[in-house]
Amino acid sequence: MEYIDFTKRDKAFNKFVEYRKKIIASADKGNFDEVFADIYAKAMSGNCVAQDCVAYFFNKGVPDFLYPNYDYYMCWQILAGANGNEFALEKLQFFLEVGLNSIIYDEEVLTTAMIRKNITKENALKVISNLICEGIVDELNIDPKQLIDIPNKAMPYSPEKNRKFILAMENCLERVAEYLVS
């Protein structure tokens, strides 16, 4: 785990909207594969806004072009959060809530983190959310290169599919807390 520079929420949101509009327009124009492949390549190279946009389309799907895929959606969304996208972290707040609460409500961990890691009341939620996302990426060994083969069928949300992400979060919380107090 390490400190990263965050992509501010407004900047991430505006670029996300730009990418989303470009992809939606491409579906209407018939060049979806080309445009999506370009943004997908940016996501694979670590662009956290492109990762968030790719996550969005795996969540929603694109009729006639891309099926919804919950696993890919969560992997890309968590990667975007781990790479410091504040807008992606905002969207993950509900999912991360239990993990966040276990750290934020541990006064010893939070107080020590505020001293040793330069965490403030203003940035604590963002920093800890980011660290949990990093932990989930490590726990599940999420690698963008492993997300290149897009399944050609819908794979919607199910509690069983979500369970692996929840377990990964639960498994990384101790490491996150240890990092915060180190």
Protein backbone atom coordinates (compact mmCIF):
# COMPACT_ATOMS: atom_id res chain seq x y z
CA MET A 1 0.00 0.00 0.00
CA GLU A 2 1.27 3.41 -0.84
CA TYR A 3 0.18 7.00 -1.15
CA ILE A 4 -1.09 8.01 -4.55
CA ASP A 5 -2.25 11.30 -5.97
CA PHE A 6 -6.00 11.37 -6.22
CA THR A 7 -7.90 12.36 -9.33
CA LYS A 8 -10.25 14.99 -7.97
CA ARG A 9 -13.95 14.21 -8.11
CA ASP A 10 -14.94 17.03 -10.49
CA LYS A 11 -12.13 16.29 -12.94
CA ALA A 12 -12.90 12.56 -12.83
CA PHE A 13 -16.64 13.17 -13.25
CA ASN A 14 -16.22 15.51 -16.23
CA LYS A 15 -13.84 13.15 -18.04
CA PHE A 16 -16.12 10.20 -17.22
CA VAL A 17 -19.08 12.02 -18.81
CA GLU A 18 -16.95 12.82 -21.87
CA TYR A 19 -15.94 9.15 -22.28
CA ARG A 20 -19.50 7.94 -21.66
CA LYS A 21 -20.95 10.28 -24.30
CA LYS A 22 -18.28 9.18 -26.77
CA ILE A 23 -19.10 5.50 -26.24
CA ILE A 24 -22.88 6.02 -26.42
CA ALA A 25 -22.50 8.04 -29.64
CA SER A 26 -20.28 5.31 -31.09
CA ALA A 27 -23.02 2.72 -30.57
CA ASP A 28 -25.37 4.92 -32.60
CA LYS A 29 -22.75 5.51 -35.31
CA GLY A 30 -21.74 1.87 -35.63
CA ASN A 31 -18.15 2.17 -34.45
CA PHE A 32 -18.68 1.03 -30.85
CA ASP A 33 -15.98 -1.66 -30.96
CA GLU A 34 -13.31 0.82 -32.03
CA VAL A 35 -14.20 3.52 -29.50
CA PHE A 36 -14.74 1.09 -26.61
CA ALA A 37 -11.43 -0.63 -27.43
CA ASP A 38 -9.65 2.74 -27.23
CA ILE A 39 -11.07 3.56 -23.80
CA TYR A 40 -10.56 -0.05 -22.69
CA ALA A 41 -6.87 0.25 -23.64
CA LYS A 42 -6.62 3.42 -21.53
CA ALA A 43 -8.23 1.55 -18.63
CA MET A 44 -5.79 -1.32 -19.00
CA SER A 45 -2.87 1.10 -18.92
CA GLY A 46 -4.02 2.44 -15.53
CA ASN A 47 -6.16 5.47 -16.45
CA CYS A 48 -8.51 5.55 -13.47
CA VAL A 49 -11.21 7.56 -15.26
CA ALA A 50 -11.25 5.13 -18.17
CA GLN A 51 -11.44 2.29 -15.62
CA ASP A 52 -14.50 3.92 -14.06
CA CYS A 53 -16.11 4.35 -17.47
CA VAL A 54 -15.43 0.75 -18.46
CA ALA A 55 -16.95 -0.32 -15.11
CA TYR A 56 -20.05 1.74 -15.90
CA PHE A 57 -20.61 -0.03 -19.21
CA PHE A 58 -20.07 -3.48 -17.70
CA ASN A 59 -22.67 -2.55 -15.11
CA LYS A 60 -25.24 -1.23 -17.59
CA GLY A 61 -24.33 -3.05 -20.77
CA VAL A 62 -24.84 -1.65 -24.27
CA PRO A 63 -27.66 -3.30 -26.27
CA ASP A 64 -26.32 -5.21 -29.28
CA PHE A 65 -22.69 -4.59 -28.25
CA LEU A 66 -21.85 -5.41 -24.63
CA TYR A 67 -23.56 -7.57 -22.05
CA PRO A 68 -23.70 -6.53 -18.40
CA ASN A 69 -21.08 -8.39 -16.38
CA TYR A 70 -21.09 -7.93 -12.60
CA ASP A 71 -17.62 -9.40 -12.01
CA TYR A 72 -15.99 -7.13 -14.59
CA TYR A 73 -17.99 -4.15 -13.32
CA MET A 74 -16.77 -4.64 -9.75
CA CYS A 75 -13.18 -5.37 -10.78
CA TRP A 76 -12.94 -2.22 -12.91
CA GLN A 77 -14.75 -0.07 -10.34
CA ILE A 78 -12.46 -1.27 -7.54
CA LEU A 79 -9.38 -0.73 -9.76
CA ALA A 80 -10.53 2.85 -10.43
CA GLY A 81 -10.90 3.40 -6.68
CA ALA A 82 -7.53 1.80 -5.94
CA ASN A 83 -5.96 4.11 -8.52
CA GLY A 84 -7.32 7.20 -6.77
CA ASN A 85 -10.44 8.15 -8.72
CA GLU A 86 -12.48 10.15 -6.19
CA PHE A 87 -15.67 9.82 -8.27
CA ALA A 88 -15.27 6.02 -8.37
CA LEU A 89 -14.63 5.95 -4.62
CA GLU A 90 -17.83 7.94 -4.12
CA LYS A 91 -19.78 5.34 -6.10
CA LEU A 92 -18.25 2.53 -4.02
CA GLN A 93 -19.19 4.09 -0.65
CA PHE A 94 -22.20 1.84 -0.06
CA PHE A 95 -20.22 -1.31 -0.85
CA LEU A 96 -17.25 -0.20 1.29
CA GLU A 97 -19.35 1.03 4.23
CA VAL A 98 -18.89 -1.96 6.53
CA GLY A 99 -15.13 -1.97 6.00
CA LEU A 100 -14.89 1.79 6.42
CA ASN A 101 -16.86 1.69 9.65
CA SER A 102 -14.65 -1.01 11.12
CA ILE A 103 -11.64 1.27 10.68
CA ILE A 104 -13.16 4.70 11.25
CA TYR A 105 -14.88 3.66 14.48
CA ASP A 106 -11.67 2.14 15.85
CA GLU A 107 -10.45 5.24 17.69
CA GLU A 108 -6.95 3.88 18.24
CA VAL A 109 -6.41 3.13 14.54
CA LEU A 110 -7.93 6.40 13.35
CA THR A 111 -6.07 8.56 15.88
CA THR A 112 -2.74 6.89 15.10
CA ALA A 113 -3.38 7.15 11.35
CA MET A 114 -4.12 10.85 11.68
CA ILE A 115 -0.74 11.34 13.33
CA ARG A 116 1.43 8.93 11.33
CA LYS A 117 -0.16 8.99 7.88
CA ASN A 118 -1.19 12.65 7.74
CA ILE A 119 -4.84 11.72 7.49
CA THR A 120 -7.30 14.47 8.32
CA LYS A 121 -11.02 14.49 9.08
CA GLU A 122 -11.51 15.94 5.60
CA ASN A 123 -9.67 13.21 3.70
CA ALA A 124 -10.05 10.16 5.97
CA LEU A 125 -12.99 8.65 4.11
CA LYS A 126 -11.28 9.02 0.74
CA VAL A 127 -7.88 7.73 1.88
CA ILE A 128 -9.28 4.73 3.76
CA SER A 129 -11.65 3.87 0.89
CA ASN A 130 -8.69 3.97 -1.47
CA LEU A 131 -6.64 1.70 0.80
CA ILE A 132 -9.49 -0.80 1.08
CA CYS A 133 -9.78 -0.86 -2.72
CA GLU A 134 -6.02 -1.47 -2.95
CA GLY A 135 -6.41 -4.30 -0.45
CA ILE A 136 -9.24 -5.88 -2.46
CA VAL A 137 -7.16 -5.65 -5.65
CA ASP A 138 -4.30 -7.40 -3.86
CA GLU A 139 -6.57 -9.97 -2.21
CA LEU A 140 -8.24 -10.96 -5.49
CA ASN A 141 -5.12 -10.43 -7.63
CA ILE A 142 -7.12 -8.18 -9.95
CA ASP A 143 -5.01 -7.52 -13.01
CA PRO A 144 -6.41 -5.54 -15.97
CA LYS A 145 -4.61 -7.93 -18.34
CA GLN A 146 -6.79 -10.73 -16.99
CA LEU A 147 -9.92 -8.73 -17.86
CA ILE A 148 -9.20 -8.64 -21.57
CA ASP A 149 -11.40 -11.57 -22.63
CA ILE A 150 -14.90 -10.16 -22.44
CA PRO A 151 -17.50 -12.93 -22.01
CA ASN A 152 -20.15 -12.97 -24.72
CA LYS A 153 -23.10 -13.46 -22.38
CA ALA A 154 -24.82 -11.52 -19.63
CA MET A 155 -23.52 -12.16 -16.12
CA PRO A 156 -25.76 -10.07 -13.85
CA TYR A 157 -25.43 -9.41 -10.14
CA SER A 158 -26.09 -12.23 -7.72
CA PRO A 159 -25.31 -12.48 -4.01
CA GLU A 160 -22.90 -15.33 -4.77
CA LYS A 161 -20.91 -13.13 -7.19
CA ASN A 162 -20.81 -10.29 -4.69
CA ARG A 163 -19.66 -12.59 -1.89
CA LYS A 164 -16.11 -12.86 -3.25
CA PHE A 165 -15.73 -9.07 -3.20
CA ILE A 166 -17.10 -8.83 0.33
CA LEU A 167 -14.79 -11.60 1.55
CA ALA A 168 -11.82 -9.92 -0.10
CA MET A 169 -12.69 -6.69 1.67
CA GLU A 170 -13.06 -8.45 5.01
CA ASN A 171 -9.73 -10.24 4.49
CA CYS A 172 -7.81 -7.05 3.74
CA LEU A 173 -9.14 -4.88 6.58
CA GLU A 174 -6.52 -6.02 9.08
CA ARG A 175 -3.71 -5.18 6.61
CA VAL A 176 -5.25 -1.76 5.96
CA ALA A 177 -5.48 -1.06 9.70
CA GLU A 178 -1.87 -2.24 10.19
CA TYR A 179 -0.71 0.05 7.41
CA LEU A 180 -2.56 3.00 8.94
CA VAL A 181 -0.85 2.57 12.31
CA SER A 182 2.62 1.70 10.96
